[in-house]
Protein backbone atom coordinates (compact mmCIF):
# COMPACT_ATOMS: atom_id res chain seq x y z
CA UNK A 1 95.49 107.50 96.09
CA UNK A 2 99.26 107.49 95.79
CA UNK A 3 99.05 109.82 92.80
CA UNK A 4 96.61 112.27 94.38
CA UNK A 5 93.39 110.69 93.12
CA UNK A 6 90.84 110.74 95.95
CA UNK A 7 89.46 107.38 97.03
CA UNK A 8 87.43 108.51 100.04
CA UNK A 9 83.83 107.45 99.59
CA UNK A 10 84.61 105.18 96.62
CA UNK A 11 82.84 101.89 95.93
CA UNK A 12 85.02 98.94 94.88
CA UNK A 13 83.90 96.09 92.61
CA UNK A 14 86.14 93.02 92.67
CA UNK A 15 86.29 89.46 91.40
CA UNK A 16 87.36 88.21 94.85
CA UNK A 17 86.46 89.26 98.39
CA UNK A 18 89.39 91.39 99.61
CA UNK A 19 92.02 89.55 101.64
CA UNK A 20 93.13 90.76 105.09
CA UNK A 21 95.87 93.06 103.75
CA UNK A 22 93.63 94.55 101.06
CA UNK A 23 90.89 95.10 103.63
CA UNK A 24 93.28 97.15 105.78
CA UNK A 25 94.27 99.24 102.77
CA UNK A 26 90.60 99.79 101.82
CA UNK A 27 89.92 101.09 105.33
CA UNK A 28 92.91 103.42 105.14
CA UNK A 29 91.74 104.67 101.74
CA UNK A 30 88.24 105.23 103.22
CA UNK A 31 86.50 103.11 100.60
CA UNK A 32 82.86 103.02 101.71
CA UNK A 33 81.65 99.75 100.14
CA UNK A 34 82.94 96.62 98.43
CA UNK A 35 81.07 94.26 96.07
CA UNK A 36 82.62 90.95 95.04
CA UNK A 37 81.80 87.86 92.96
CA UNK A 38 83.74 85.09 94.74
CA UNK A 39 84.21 84.67 98.47
CA UNK A 40 87.62 84.40 100.10
CA UNK A 41 88.03 82.75 103.48
CA UNK A 42 90.99 83.53 105.69
CA UNK A 43 93.29 80.48 105.49
CA UNK A 44 93.80 80.34 109.28
CA UNK A 45 90.40 79.44 110.76
CA UNK A 46 91.44 80.85 114.15
CA UNK A 47 91.84 84.30 112.59
CA UNK A 48 88.72 84.23 110.40
CA UNK A 49 86.68 86.16 112.99
CA UNK A 50 89.36 88.89 113.25
CA UNK A 51 89.26 89.16 109.45
CA UNK A 52 85.48 89.57 109.47
CA UNK A 53 85.70 92.07 112.35
CA UNK A 54 88.16 94.16 110.33
CA UNK A 55 85.85 94.14 107.32
CA UNK A 56 82.90 95.19 109.49
CA UNK A 57 84.50 98.65 109.72
CA UNK A 58 83.93 99.35 106.03
CA UNK A 59 81.13 101.91 106.25
CA UNK A 60 78.57 100.48 103.83
CA UNK A 61 79.84 96.91 104.12
CA UNK A 62 81.19 94.14 101.96
CA UNK A 63 78.65 92.41 99.76
CA UNK A 64 78.73 89.31 97.61
CA UNK A 65 77.03 89.54 94.22
CA UNK A 66 75.19 86.70 92.54
CA UNK A 67 75.99 87.00 88.86
CA UNK A 68 77.45 84.53 86.38
CA UNK A 69 81.22 84.82 85.99
CA UNK A 70 82.22 83.25 82.69
CA UNK A 71 85.90 83.65 83.65
CA UNK A 72 85.63 82.10 87.13
CA UNK A 73 87.81 79.11 86.32
CA UNK A 74 90.56 81.48 85.23
CA UNK A 75 90.03 84.23 87.81
CA UNK A 76 89.69 82.12 90.96
CA UNK A 77 92.77 80.02 91.67
CA UNK A 78 90.87 77.51 93.84
CA UNK A 79 88.68 76.65 90.82
CA UNK A 80 91.63 75.91 88.50
CA UNK A 81 92.50 72.33 87.59
């Protein structure tokens, strides 16, 4: 978006569920849907509901996908040894 490429109405595919900051930026960019492979939970359990409330404003929602990720141990830091 910074370089004039429209993002309004875009669909995002991601390895991880967007964090709080990324979720705010996705709303500002008017991304309409997000699909992710691995869940991310807000580290402060008291703010988890606020995080989910923020994500509820993404028009077509945020959806987890159930597909095999051969690179999961590399891509998801909580799965690393």
